[in-house]
PDB file of N, CA and C in Angstrom:
ATOM      1  N   MET A   1       0.680  -1.393   0.167  1.00  0.00           N
ATOM      2  CA  MET A   1       0.040   0.138   0.215  1.00  0.00           C
ATOM      3  C   MET A   1       1.103   1.518  -0.151  1.00  0.00           C
ATOM      4  N   LYS A   2       1.704   1.249   0.672  1.00  0.00           N
ATOM      5  CA  LYS A   2       2.948   2.450   0.887  1.00  0.00           C
ATOM      6  C   LYS A   2       3.447   2.727  -0.479  1.00  0.00           C
ATOM      7  N   GLN A   3       3.502   1.604  -1.069  1.00  0.00           N
ATOM      8  CA  GLN A   3       4.444   1.697  -2.682  1.00  0.00           C
ATOM      9  C   GLN A   3       3.579   2.258  -3.636  1.00  0.00           C
ATOM     10  N   LEU A   4       2.291   2.241  -3.328  1.00  0.00           N
ATOM     11  CA  LEU A   4       1.130   2.711  -4.263  1.00  0.00           C
ATOM     12  C   LEU A   4       0.874   4.156  -3.975  1.00  0.00           C
ATOM     13  N   PHE A   5       0.979   4.502  -2.751  1.00  0.00           N
ATOM     14  CA  PHE A   5       0.918   5.911  -2.662  1.00  0.00           C
ATOM     15  C   PHE A   5       2.202   7.025  -2.796  1.00  0.00           C
ATOM     16  N   ILE A   6       3.253   6.284  -2.726  1.00  0.00           N
ATOM     17  CA  ILE A   6       4.159   6.763  -3.311  1.00  0.00           C
ATOM     18  C   ILE A   6       4.163   6.882  -4.738  1.00  0.00           C
ATOM     19  N   ALA A   7       3.953   5.814  -5.138  1.00  0.00           N
ATOM     20  CA  ALA A   7       3.783   5.978  -6.776  1.00  0.00           C
ATOM     21  C   ALA A   7       2.653   7.019  -7.271  1.00  0.00           C
ATOM     22  N   PHE A   8       1.629   7.278  -6.298  1.00  0.00           N
ATOM     23  CA  PHE A   8       0.512   8.096  -7.194  1.00  0.00           C
ATOM     24  C   PHE A   8       1.066   9.787  -6.653  1.00  0.00           C
ATOM     25  N   VAL A   9       1.794   9.870  -5.192  1.00  0.00           N
ATOM     26  CA  VAL A   9       2.526  11.039  -4.866  1.00  0.00           C
ATOM     27  C   VAL A   9       3.408  11.494  -6.550  1.00  0.00           C
ATOM     28  N   LEU A  10       4.320  10.492  -6.699  1.00  0.00           N
ATOM     29  CA  LEU A  10       5.568  11.080  -7.520  1.00  0.00           C
ATOM     30  C   LEU A  10       4.679  11.200  -9.541  1.00  0.00           C
ATOM     31  N   MET A  11       3.672  10.630  -9.364  1.00  0.00           N
ATOM     32  CA  MET A  11       2.411  10.721 -10.576  1.00  0.00           C
ATOM     33  C   MET A  11       2.070  12.195 -10.372  1.00  0.00           C
ATOM     34  N   VAL A  12       1.398  12.654  -9.252  1.00  0.00           N
ATOM     35  CA  VAL A  12       0.781  13.914  -9.327  1.00  0.00           C
ATOM     36  C   VAL A  12       1.706  15.088  -8.964  1.00  0.00           C
ATOM     37  N   SER A  13       2.787  14.781  -8.599  1.00  0.00           N
ATOM     38  CA  SER A  13       4.097  15.666  -8.582  1.00  0.00           C
ATOM     39  C   SER A  13       4.571  16.032 -10.025  1.00  0.00           C
ATOM     40  N   THR A  14       4.791  14.783 -10.834  1.00  0.00           N
ATOM     41  CA  THR A  14       5.248  15.421 -12.396  1.00  0.00           C
ATOM     42  C   THR A  14       4.321  15.915 -13.101  1.00  0.00           C
ATOM     43  N   PHE A  15       2.764  15.283 -12.831  1.00  0.00           N
ATOM     44  CA  PHE A  15       1.769  15.930 -13.574  1.00  0.00           C
ATOM     45  C   PHE A  15       1.861  17.431 -13.404  1.00  0.00           C
ATOM     46  N   GLY A  16       1.991  17.814 -12.190  1.00  0.00           N
ATOM     47  CA  GLY A  16       2.182  19.262 -11.342  1.00  0.00           C
ATOM     48  C   GLY A  16       2.681  20.159 -12.339  1.00  0.00           C
ATOM     49  N   VAL A  17       4.330  19.589 -12.260  1.00  0.00           N
ATOM     50  CA  VAL A  17       5.156  20.409 -12.872  1.00  0.00           C
ATOM     51  C   VAL A  17       5.266  20.460 -14.624  1.00  0.00           C
ATOM     52  N   ALA A  18       4.331  19.298 -15.251  1.00  0.00           N
ATOM     53  CA  ALA A  18       4.293  19.753 -16.473  1.00  0.00           C
ATOM     54  C   ALA A  18       2.932  20.849 -16.740  1.00  0.00           C
ATOM     55  N   ALA A  19       2.461  20.454 -16.210  1.00  0.00           N
ATOM     56  CA  ALA A  19       1.007  21.496 -16.419  1.00  0.00           C
ATOM     57  C   ALA A  19       1.355  22.804 -15.884  1.00  0.00           C
ATOM     58  N   ALA A  20       2.185  23.223 -15.035  1.00  0.00           N
ATOM     59  CA  ALA A  20       2.693  24.553 -14.587  1.00  0.00           C
ATOM     60  C   ALA A  20       3.824  25.098 -15.669  1.00  0.00           C
ATOM     61  N   ASP A  21       4.290  23.968 -16.626  1.00  0.00           N
ATOM     62  CA  ASP A  21       5.116  24.723 -17.677  1.00  0.00           C
ATOM     63  C   ASP A  21       4.121  25.110 -19.044  1.00  0.00           C
ATOM     64  N   GLU A  22       3.152  24.606 -18.968  1.00  0.00           N
ATOM     65  CA  GLU A  22       1.816  24.929 -20.361  1.00  0.00           C
ATOM     66  C   GLU A  22       1.679  26.813 -19.845  1.00  0.00           C
ATOM     67  N   HIS A  23       0.814  26.864 -20.993  1.00  0.00           N
ATOM     68  CA  HIS A  23       0.588  28.076 -21.116  1.00  0.00           C
ATOM     69  C   HIS A  23      -1.037  27.807 -20.898  1.00  0.00           C
ATOM     70  N   PRO A  24      -1.736  28.021 -19.691  1.00  0.00           N
ATOM     71  CA  PRO A  24      -3.303  27.692 -19.457  1.00  0.00           C
ATOM     72  C   PRO A  24      -4.286  28.464 -20.743  1.00  0.00           C
ATOM     73  N   LEU A  25      -4.768  27.512 -21.054  1.00  0.00           N
ATOM     74  CA  LEU A  25      -5.981  27.756 -22.266  1.00  0.00           C
ATOM     75  C   LEU A  25      -6.537  29.292 -21.570  1.00  0.00           C
ATOM     76  N   ALA A  26      -6.386  30.350 -22.223  1.00  0.00           N
ATOM     77  CA  ALA A  26      -7.562  31.260 -22.267  1.00  0.00           C
ATOM     78  C   ALA A  26      -8.842  31.260 -22.548  1.00  0.00           C
ATOM     79  N   SER A  27      -9.884  32.166 -21.263  1.00  0.00           N
ATOM     80  CA  SER A  27     -11.425  32.001 -21.700  1.00  0.00           C
ATOM     81  C   SER A  27     -11.294  33.196 -23.078  1.00  0.00           C
ATOM     82  N   GLY A  28     -12.635  33.247 -23.597  1.00  0.00           N
ATOM     83  CA  GLY A  28     -12.728  34.260 -24.490  1.00  0.00           C
ATOM     84  C   GLY A  28     -12.536  35.776 -23.997  1.00  0.00           C
ATOM     85  N   GLU A  29     -12.857  35.881 -22.811  1.00  0.00           N
ATOM     86  CA  GLU A  29     -12.914  37.359 -22.532  1.00  0.00           C
ATOM     87  C   GLU A  29     -11.622  37.547 -21.826  1.00  0.00           C
ATOM     88  N   MET A  30     -10.993  36.592 -21.751  1.00  0.00           N
ATOM     89  CA  MET A  30      -9.055  36.951 -21.204  1.00  0.00           C
ATOM     90  C   MET A  30      -8.513  37.237 -22.740  1.00  0.00           C
ATOM     91  N   ILE A  31      -8.909  36.385 -23.870  1.00  0.00           N
ATOM     92  CA  ILE A  31      -8.558  36.416 -25.232  1.00  0.00           C
ATOM     93  C   ILE A  31      -8.535  38.384 -25.798  1.00  0.00           C
ATOM     94  N   LYS A  32      -9.942  38.706 -25.284  1.00  0.00           N
ATOM     95  CA  LYS A  32     -10.304  39.837 -25.678  1.00  0.00           C
ATOM     96  C   LYS A  32      -9.241  41.021 -25.429  1.00  0.00           C
ATOM     97  N   GLU A  33      -9.370  40.639 -23.876  1.00  0.00           N
ATOM     98  CA  GLU A  33      -8.756  41.784 -22.639  1.00  0.00           C
ATOM     99  C   GLU A  33      -7.264  41.809 -22.868  1.00  0.00           C
ATOM    100  N   MET A  34      -6.498  40.501 -23.315  1.00  0.00           N
ATOM    101  CA  MET A  34      -4.693  40.444 -23.733  1.00  0.00           C
ATOM    102  C   MET A  34      -4.441  40.626 -25.144  1.00  0.00           C
ATOM    103  N   ILE A  35      -5.200  40.630 -25.701  1.00  0.00           N
ATOM    104  CA  ILE A  35      -4.664  40.532 -27.501  1.00  0.00           C
ATOM    105  C   ILE A  35      -5.483  41.728 -28.082  1.00  0.00           C
ATOM    106  N   GLY A  36      -6.846  41.829 -27.643  1.00  0.00           N
ATOM    107  CA  GLY A  36      -7.311  42.948 -28.313  1.00  0.00           C
ATOM    108  C   GLY A  36      -6.664  44.401 -28.105  1.00  0.00           C
ATOM    109  N   GLY A  37      -6.307  45.184 -29.371  1.00  0.00           N
ATOM    110  CA  GLY A  37      -5.853  46.597 -29.085  1.00  0.00           C
ATOM    111  C   GLY A  37      -4.406  46.696 -28.681  1.00  0.00           C
ATOM    112  N   ASN A  38      -3.814  45.153 -29.013  1.00  0.00           N
ATOM    113  CA  ASN A  38      -2.164  44.660 -28.989  1.00  0.00           C
ATOM    114  C   ASN A  38      -1.525  44.060 -29.908  1.00  0.00           C
ATOM    115  N   THR A  39      -0.505  44.221 -30.015  1.00  0.00           N
ATOM    116  CA  THR A  39       0.266  43.454 -31.030  1.00  0.00           C
ATOM    117  C   THR A  39       0.704  41.979 -30.740  1.00  0.00           C
ATOM    118  N   VAL A  40       0.777  41.038 -31.405  1.00  0.00           N
ATOM    119  CA  VAL A  40       1.570  39.767 -31.383  1.00  0.00           C
ATOM    120  C   VAL A  40       2.867  39.447 -32.029  1.00  0.00           C
ATOM    121  N   GLN A  41       3.730  39.261 -31.794  1.00  0.00           N
ATOM    122  CA  GLN A  41       5.016  38.903 -32.510  1.00  0.00           C
ATOM    123  C   GLN A  41       5.277  37.648 -32.323  1.00  0.00           C
ATOM    124  N   GLY A  42       5.704  36.957 -33.505  1.00  0.00           N
ATOM    125  CA  GLY A  42       6.286  35.330 -33.038  1.00  0.00           C
ATOM    126  C   GLY A  42       6.386  34.539 -33.979  1.00  0.00           C
ATOM    127  N   SER A  43       6.161  33.449 -34.193  1.00  0.00           N
ATOM    128  CA  SER A  43       6.222  32.100 -35.143  1.00  0.00           C
ATOM    129  C   SER A  43       5.437  31.205 -35.267  1.00  0.00           C
ATOM    130  N   MET A  44       4.928  30.469 -36.395  1.00  0.00           N
ATOM    131  CA  MET A  44       4.124  29.609 -36.299  1.00  0.00           C
ATOM    132  C   MET A  44       4.971  27.978 -36.485  1.00  0.00           C
ATOM    133  N   ALA A  45       4.453  26.919 -36.150  1.00  0.00           N
ATOM    134  CA  ALA A  45       5.374  25.304 -36.338  1.00  0.00           C
ATOM    135  C   ALA A  45       6.191  25.716 -37.545  1.00  0.00           C
ATOM    136  N   ASP A  46       5.832  26.173 -38.471  1.00  0.00           N
ATOM    137  CA  ASP A  46       6.634  25.699 -40.236  1.00  0.00           C
ATOM    138  C   ASP A  46       7.538  27.019 -39.962  1.00  0.00           C
ATOM    139  N   GLY A  47       7.602  27.569 -39.181  1.00  0.00           N
ATOM    140  CA  GLY A  47       8.958  28.790 -39.207  1.00  0.00           C
ATOM    141  C   GLY A  47       8.642  30.325 -39.358  1.00  0.00           C
ATOM    142  N   THR A  48       7.154  30.254 -40.298  1.00  0.00           N
ATOM    143  CA  THR A  48       6.752  31.276 -40.555  1.00  0.00           C
ATOM    144  C   THR A  48       6.512  32.323 -39.798  1.00  0.00           C
ATOM    145  N   GLY A  49       7.342  33.371 -39.319  1.00  0.00           N
ATOM    146  CA  GLY A  49       7.410  34.687 -38.320  1.00  0.00           C
ATOM    147  C   GLY A  49       6.193  35.642 -38.954  1.00  0.00           C
ATOM    148  N   TYR A  50       5.451  36.383 -37.513  1.00  0.00           N
ATOM    149  CA  TYR A  50       4.690  36.970 -38.018  1.00  0.00           C
ATOM    150  C   TYR A  50       4.684  38.074 -36.965  1.00  0.00           C
ATOM    151  N   THR A  51       3.987  39.212 -37.031  1.00  0.00           N
ATOM    152  CA  THR A  51       3.679  40.360 -36.396  1.00  0.00           C
ATOM    153  C   THR A  51       2.556  41.007 -37.007  1.00  0.00           C
ATOM    154  N   GLU A  52       1.449  40.747 -35.903  1.00  0.00           N
ATOM    155  CA  GLU A  52      -0.080  41.568 -36.178  1.00  0.00           C
ATOM    156  C   GLU A  52      -0.270  42.522 -35.127  1.00  0.00           C
ATOM    157  N   PHE A  53      -1.109  43.342 -35.366  1.00  0.00           N
ATOM    158  CA  PHE A  53      -1.720  44.133 -34.372  1.00  0.00           C
ATOM    159  C   PHE A  53      -2.991  43.809 -34.541  1.00  0.00           C
ATOM    160  N   TYR A  54      -4.026  43.487 -33.572  1.00  0.00           N
ATOM    161  CA  TYR A  54      -5.284  43.194 -33.173  1.00  0.00           C
ATOM    162  C   TYR A  54      -5.936  44.034 -32.609  1.00  0.00           C
ATOM    163  N   ALA A  55      -6.524  45.031 -34.016  1.00  0.00           N
ATOM    164  CA  ALA A  55      -7.436  46.288 -33.046  1.00  0.00           C
ATOM    165  C   ALA A  55      -8.554  45.646 -32.632  1.00  0.00           C
ATOM    166  N   GLU A  56      -8.956  46.612 -31.583  1.00  0.00           N
ATOM    167  CA  GLU A  56     -10.124  45.846 -30.789  1.00  0.00           C
ATOM    168  C   GLU A  56     -11.539  45.972 -31.731  1.00  0.00           C
ATOM    169  N   ASP A  57     -11.271  46.672 -32.455  1.00  0.00           N
ATOM    170  CA  ASP A  57     -12.980  46.193 -33.736  1.00  0.00           C
ATOM    171  C   ASP A  57     -13.027  45.178 -34.560  1.00  0.00           C
ATOM    172  N   GLY A  58     -11.638  44.445 -34.391  1.00  0.00           N
ATOM    173  CA  GLY A  58     -11.716  43.143 -34.828  1.00  0.00           C
ATOM    174  C   GLY A  58     -11.034  43.012 -36.555  1.00  0.00           C
ATOM    175  N   VAL A  59      -9.942  44.355 -36.604  1.00  0.00           N
ATOM    176  CA  VAL A  59      -9.621  44.045 -37.359  1.00  0.00           C
ATOM    177  C   VAL A  59      -7.935  43.801 -37.268  1.00  0.00           C
ATOM    178  N   ILE A  60      -7.479  42.906 -38.352  1.00  0.00           N
ATOM    179  CA  ILE A  60      -6.031  42.616 -38.234  1.00  0.00           C
ATOM    180  C   ILE A  60      -4.912  43.368 -38.695  1.00  0.00           C
ATOM    181  N   LYS A  61      -4.176  43.938 -38.410  1.00  0.00           N
ATOM    182  CA  LYS A  61      -3.273  44.860 -39.491  1.00  0.00           C
ATOM    183  C   LYS A  61      -1.704  44.465 -39.412  1.00  0.00           C
ATOM    184  N   GLY A  62      -0.980  44.066 -40.444  1.00  0.00           N
ATOM    185  CA  GLY A  62       0.217  43.294 -40.665  1.00  0.00           C
ATOM    186  C   GLY A  62       0.994  44.584 -41.673  1.00  0.00           C
ATOM    187  N   ASP A  63       2.549  43.980 -41.963  1.00  0.00           N
ATOM    188  CA  ASP A  63       2.896  44.615 -43.069  1.00  0.00           C
ATOM    189  C   ASP A  63       2.586  44.543 -43.935  1.00  0.00           C
ATOM    190  N   GLY A  64       1.864  45.563 -44.276  1.00  0.00           N
ATOM    191  CA  GLY A  64       1.360  45.406 -46.056  1.00  0.00           C
ATOM    192  C   GLY A  64      -0.184  44.336 -46.531  1.00  0.00           C
ATOM    193  N   TYR A  65      -0.954  44.546 -45.368  1.00  0.00           N
ATOM    194  CA  TYR A  65      -2.075  43.241 -45.316  1.00  0.00           C
ATOM    195  C   TYR A  65      -2.888  43.390 -44.087  1.00  0.00           C
ATOM    196  N   THR A  66      -4.578  43.217 -44.305  1.00  0.00           N
ATOM    197  CA  THR A  66      -4.972  43.406 -42.988  1.00  0.00           C
ATOM    198  C   THR A  66      -5.914  42.012 -42.986  1.00  0.00           C
ATOM    199  N   GLY A  67      -7.161  41.945 -42.059  1.00  0.00           N
ATOM    200  CA  GLY A  67      -7.686  40.582 -41.811  1.00  0.00           C
ATOM    201  C   GLY A  67      -8.569  40.941 -40.841  1.00  0.00           C
ATOM    202  N   ALA A  68      -9.271  39.820 -40.227  1.00  0.00           N
ATOM    203  CA  ALA A  68     -10.456  39.883 -39.695  1.00  0.00           C
ATOM    204  C   ALA A  68      -9.861  39.144 -38.405  1.00  0.00           C
ATOM    205  N   TRP A  69     -10.351  39.366 -36.914  1.00  0.00           N
ATOM    206  CA  TRP A  69     -10.316  38.765 -35.745  1.00  0.00           C
ATOM    207  C   TRP A  69     -11.891  38.530 -35.154  1.00  0.00           C
ATOM    208  N   ARG A  70     -11.498  37.373 -34.648  1.00  0.00           N
ATOM    209  CA  ARG A  70     -13.300  37.479 -33.733  1.00  0.00           C
ATOM    210  C   ARG A  70     -12.859  36.365 -32.729  1.00  0.00           C
ATOM    211  N   VAL A  71     -13.300  36.349 -31.298  1.00  0.00           N
ATOM    212  CA  VAL A  71     -13.857  35.349 -30.701  1.00  0.00           C
ATOM    213  C   VAL A  71     -14.713  34.546 -30.911  1.00  0.00           C
ATOM    214  N   ASP A  72     -14.825  33.136 -30.578  1.00  0.00           N
ATOM    215  CA  ASP A  72     -16.016  32.318 -30.863  1.00  0.00           C
ATOM    216  C   ASP A  72     -15.600  31.341 -29.812  1.00  0.00           C
ATOM    217  N   ASP A  73     -16.612  31.562 -28.911  1.00  0.00           N
ATOM    218  CA  ASP A  73     -16.290  30.985 -27.302  1.00  0.00           C
ATOM    219  C   ASP A  73     -15.377  31.004 -26.925  1.00  0.00           C
ATOM    220  N   ASN A  74     -14.489  30.181 -26.292  1.00  0.00           N
ATOM    221  CA  ASN A  74     -12.998  30.518 -26.086  1.00  0.00           C
ATOM    222  C   ASN A  74     -11.953  29.946 -27.052  1.00  0.00           C
ATOM    223  N   GLN A  75     -11.831  30.400 -28.655  1.00  0.00           N
ATOM    224  CA  GLN A  75     -11.136  30.364 -29.628  1.00  0.00           C
ATOM    225  C   GLN A  75     -11.360  31.718 -30.321  1.00  0.00           C
ATOM    226  N   MET A  76      -9.679  31.822 -30.541  1.00  0.00           N
ATOM    227  CA  MET A  76      -9.687  33.236 -31.254  1.00  0.00           C
ATOM    228  C   MET A  76      -9.468  32.834 -32.992  1.00  0.00           C
ATOM    229  N   CYS A  77     -10.161  33.509 -34.088  1.00  0.00           N
ATOM    230  CA  CYS A  77     -10.777  33.086 -35.295  1.00  0.00           C
ATOM    231  C   CYS A  77     -10.161  34.203 -35.683  1.00  0.00           C
ATOM    232  N   PHE A  78      -9.508  33.683 -37.040  1.00  0.00           N
ATOM    233  CA  PHE A  78      -8.528  34.422 -38.065  1.00  0.00           C
ATOM    234  C   PHE A  78      -8.964  34.209 -39.296  1.00  0.00           C
ATOM    235  N   LYS A  79      -9.459  35.634 -40.014  1.00  0.00           N
ATOM    236  CA  LYS A  79     -10.058  35.072 -41.667  1.00  0.00           C
ATOM    237  C   LYS A  79      -9.290  36.709 -42.385  1.00  0.00           C
ATOM    238  N   TYR A  80      -8.239  36.133 -43.781  1.00  0.00           N
ATOM    239  CA  TYR A  80      -7.648  36.830 -44.417  1.00  0.00           C
ATOM    240  C   TYR A  80      -8.281  36.631 -45.893  1.00  0.00           C
ATOM    241  N   GLY A  81      -8.614  37.651 -46.513  1.00  0.00           N
ATOM    242  CA  GLY A  81      -9.133  37.427 -48.041  1.00  0.00           C
ATOM    243  C   GLY A  81      -9.630  36.244 -47.965  1.00  0.00           C
ATOM    244  N   ASP A  82      -9.560  35.726 -48.931  1.00  0.00           N
ATOM    245  CA  ASP A  82     -10.368  34.646 -49.752  1.00  0.00           C
ATOM    246  C   ASP A  82     -10.691  33.334 -48.970  1.00  0.00           C
ATOM    247  N   ASP A  83      -9.189  33.239 -47.798  1.00  0.00           N
ATOM    248  CA  ASP A  83      -9.085  32.118 -47.208  1.00  0.00           C
ATOM    249  C   ASP A  83     -10.113  31.703 -46.322  1.00  0.00           C
ATOM    250  N   PRO A  84     -10.312  30.648 -46.163  1.00  0.00           N
ATOM    251  CA  PRO A  84     -11.312  30.240 -44.774  1.00  0.00           C
ATOM    252  C   PRO A  84     -10.670  30.713 -43.449  1.00  0.00           C
ATOM    253  N   GLU A  85     -12.099  30.873 -42.667  1.00  0.00           N
ATOM    254  CA  GLU A  85     -11.511  31.088 -41.253  1.00  0.00           C
ATOM    255  C   GLU A  85     -11.135  30.053 -40.760  1.00  0.00           C
ATOM    256  N   ASN A  86     -10.144  30.275 -39.760  1.00  0.00           N
ATOM    257  CA  ASN A  86      -9.569  29.386 -38.889  1.00  0.00           C
ATOM    258  C   ASN A  86      -9.222  29.796 -37.592  1.00  0.00           C
ATOM    259  N   CYS A  87      -9.769  28.710 -36.577  1.00  0.00           N
ATOM    260  CA  CYS A  87      -9.797  29.228 -35.562  1.00  0.00           C
ATOM    261  C   CYS A  87      -8.639  28.301 -34.303  1.00  0.00           C
ATOM    262  N   TRP A  88      -8.190  28.730 -33.141  1.00  0.00           N
ATOM    263  CA  TRP A  88      -7.476  28.242 -32.443  1.00  0.00           C
ATOM    264  C   TRP A  88      -7.698  28.602 -31.087  1.00  0.00           C
ATOM    265  N   SER A  89      -7.224  27.526 -30.118  1.00  0.00           N
ATOM    266  CA  SER A  89      -7.346  27.634 -28.701  1.00  0.00           C
ATOM    267  C   SER A  89      -6.026  28.766 -28.149  1.00  0.00           C
ATOM    268  N   VAL A  90      -6.251  29.345 -27.278  1.00  0.00           N
ATOM    269  CA  VAL A  90      -5.237  30.226 -27.085  1.00  0.00           C
ATOM    270  C   VAL A  90      -4.556  30.198 -25.861  1.00  0.00           C
ATOM    271  N   GLY A  91      -3.347  29.531 -25.576  1.00  0.00           N
ATOM    272  CA  GLY A  91      -2.531  29.445 -24.288  1.00  0.00           C
ATOM    273  C   GLY A  91      -1.923  30.951 -24.045  1.00  0.00           C
ATOM    274  N   ILE A  92      -2.449  31.311 -22.605  1.00  0.00           N
ATOM    275  CA  ILE A  92      -1.345  32.814 -22.386  1.00  0.00           C
ATOM    276  C   ILE A  92      -0.904  32.871 -21.034  1.00  0.00           C
ATOM    277  N   LYS A  93       0.086  32.937 -20.919  1.00  0.00           N
ATOM    278  CA  LYS A  93       0.862  33.186 -19.403  1.00  0.00           C
ATOM    279  C   LYS A  93       1.779  34.604 -19.358  1.00  0.00           C
ATOM    280  N   GLY A  94       1.612  35.354 -18.468  1.00  0.00           N
ATOM    281  CA  GLY A  94       2.057  36.308 -18.695  1.00  0.00           C
ATOM    282  C   GLY A  94       1.798  37.210 -20.015  1.00  0.00           C
ATOM    283  N   ASP A  95       3.005  37.594 -20.903  1.00  0.00           N
ATOM    284  CA  ASP A  95       2.598  37.909 -21.918  1.00  0.00           C
ATOM    285  C   ASP A  95       3.142  37.009 -23.448  1.00  0.00           C
ATOM    286  N   GLN A  96       3.549  35.995 -22.812  1.00  0.00           N
ATOM    287  CA  GLN A  96       3.340  34.686 -23.855  1.00  0.00           C
ATOM    288  C   GLN A  96       2.252  33.736 -24.335  1.00  0.00           C
ATOM    289  N   VAL A  97       1.991  33.902 -25.970  1.00  0.00           N
ATOM    290  CA  VAL A  97       0.813  33.164 -26.308  1.00  0.00           C
ATOM    291  C   VAL A  97       1.257  31.918 -26.823  1.00  0.00           C
ATOM    292  N   SER A  98       0.720  31.072 -26.913  1.00  0.00           N
ATOM    293  CA  SER A  98       0.508  29.735 -27.572  1.00  0.00           C
ATOM    294  C   SER A  98      -0.948  29.764 -28.631  1.00  0.00           C
ATOM    295  N   TRP A  99      -0.827  29.335 -29.957  1.00  0.00           N
ATOM    296  CA  TRP A  99      -1.902  28.858 -30.432  1.00  0.00           C
ATOM    297  C   TRP A  99      -1.991  27.334 -30.568  1.00  0.00           C
ATOM    298  N   ILE A 100      -3.338  26.817 -30.178  1.00  0.00           N
ATOM    299  CA  ILE A 100      -3.349  25.677 -29.799  1.00  0.00           C
ATOM    300  C   ILE A 100      -4.597  25.317 -30.628  1.00  0.00           C
ATOM    301  N   LYS A 101      -4.235  24.053 -31.770  1.00  0.00           N
ATOM    302  CA  LYS A 101      -5.133  23.560 -32.774  1.00  0.00           C
ATOM    303  C   LYS A 101      -4.844  21.641 -32.456  1.00  0.00           C
ATOM    304  N   ASP A 102      -6.266  21.354 -32.101  1.00  0.00           N
ATOM    305  CA  ASP A 102      -6.401  19.738 -32.387  1.00  0.00           C
ATOM    306  C   ASP A 102      -5.080  19.039 -31.124  1.00  0.00           C
ATOM    307  N   GLY A 103      -5.048  19.885 -30.080  1.00  0.00           N
ATOM    308  CA  GLY A 103      -3.948  19.588 -29.196  1.00  0.00           C
ATOM    309  C   GLY A 103      -2.262  20.017 -29.146  1.00  0.00           C
ATOM    310  N   ASN A 104      -2.370  20.478 -30.519  1.00  0.00           N
ATOM    311  CA  ASN A 104      -0.806  20.733 -30.451  1.00  0.00           C
ATOM    312  C   ASN A 104      -0.749  22.104 -31.029  1.00  0.00           C
ATOM    313  N   THR A 105       0.759  22.604 -30.009  1.00  0.00           N
ATOM    314  CA  THR A 105       1.020  24.151 -30.542  1.00  0.00           C
ATOM    315  C   THR A 105       1.349  24.289 -31.744  1.00  0.00           C
ATOM    316  N   ASP A 106       0.636  25.469 -32.896  1.00  0.00           N
ATOM    317  CA  ASP A 106       1.015  25.492 -33.865  1.00  0.00           C
ATOM    318  C   ASP A 106       1.838  26.697 -33.914  1.00  0.00           C
ATOM    319  N   GLY A 107       1.701  27.723 -33.118  1.00  0.00           N
ATOM    320  CA  GLY A 107       2.781  28.700 -32.856  1.00  0.00           C
ATOM    321  C   GLY A 107       2.804  29.308 -31.470  1.00  0.00           C
ATOM    322  N   THR A 108       3.581  30.192 -31.472  1.00  0.00           N
ATOM    323  CA  THR A 108       3.854  30.953 -30.175  1.00  0.00           C
ATOM    324  C   THR A 108       4.129  31.886 -30.616  1.00  0.00           C
ATOM    325  N   GLY A 109       3.967  33.329 -29.365  1.00  0.00           N
ATOM    326  CA  GLY A 109       4.319  34.445 -29.888  1.00  0.00           C
ATOM    327  C   GLY A 109       4.476  35.555 -28.319  1.00  0.00           C
ATOM    328  N   THR A 110       4.755  36.929 -28.561  1.00  0.00           N
ATOM    329  CA  THR A 110       4.647  37.524 -27.366  1.00  0.00           C
ATOM    330  C   THR A 110       3.815  38.872 -27.485  1.00  0.00           C
ATOM    331  N   ILE A 111       2.767  39.214 -26.539  1.00  0.00           N
ATOM    332  CA  ILE A 111       1.926  40.165 -26.575  1.00  0.00           C
ATOM    333  C   ILE A 111       2.951  41.590 -26.387  1.00  0.00           C
ATOM    334  N   VAL A 112       2.828  42.568 -27.177  1.00  0.00           N
ATOM    335  CA  VAL A 112       3.546  43.723 -27.358  1.00  0.00           C
ATOM    336  C   VAL A 112       2.481  44.898 -26.980  1.00  0.00           C
ATOM    337  N   PRO A 113       2.215  45.772 -26.340  1.00  0.00           N
ATOM    338  CA  PRO A 113       1.263  46.592 -25.998  1.00  0.00           C
ATOM    339  C   PRO A 113       1.263  47.522 -27.110  1.00  0.00           C
ATOM    340  N   GLY A 114      -0.045  47.854 -27.364  1.00  0.00           N
ATOM    341  CA  GLY A 114      -0.286  48.844 -28.600  1.00  0.00           C
ATOM    342  C   GLY A 114      -0.164  48.356 -29.911  1.00  0.00           C
ATOM    343  N   ASN A 115       0.016  49.113 -30.485  1.00  0.00           N
ATOM    344  CA  ASN A 115       0.724  49.019 -32.274  1.00  0.00           C
ATOM    345  C   ASN A 115       1.936  49.721 -32.339  1.00  0.00           C
ATOM    346  N   PRO A 116       2.994  49.296 -31.934  1.00  0.00           N
ATOM    347  CA  PRO A 116       4.321  49.836 -32.104  1.00  0.00           C
ATOM    348  C   PRO A 116       4.890  50.120 -33.604  1.00  0.00           C
ATOM    349  N   ASN A 117       4.199  49.437 -34.143  1.00  0.00           N
ATOM    350  CA  ASN A 117       5.044  49.360 -35.834  1.00  0.00           C
ATOM    351  C   ASN A 117       4.185  50.425 -36.483  1.00  0.00           C
ATOM    352  N   ASN A 118       2.891  50.954 -35.797  1.00  0.00           N
ATOM    353  CA  ASN A 118       1.982  51.969 -36.727  1.00  0.00           C
ATOM    354  C   ASN A 118       1.256  51.053 -37.889  1.00  0.00           C
ATOM    355  N   PHE A 119       0.815  49.863 -37.815  1.00  0.00           N
ATOM    356  CA  PHE A 119       0.272  49.477 -38.990  1.00  0.00           C
ATOM    357  C   PHE A 119      -0.932  49.761 -38.967  1.00  0.00           C
TER     358      PHE A 119
END
């Protein structure tokens, strides 16, 4: 019985450390509050870099392009031109963001206050 208890404590301890390293999934309200009116710069899993300003009115402004964003339940959805809309869950920890789709991190970024690039 003692060995079972020790195994359980080790399992819980290991899970707790792993969970603390991940970015907690944000609610829709938190996404709006943390990302709306700010810029996120980072890279996607395929190595593509990005810097985008997410205006509070739902407009995305990048270097030479625009798009639209919205929050649907607890996901952030993006629409660029004629491309279909895509939605991701958003992990936020401090100023760090993770874009999560189907349980996988598709990209990461840093929240930068305002629109420092004047997009």
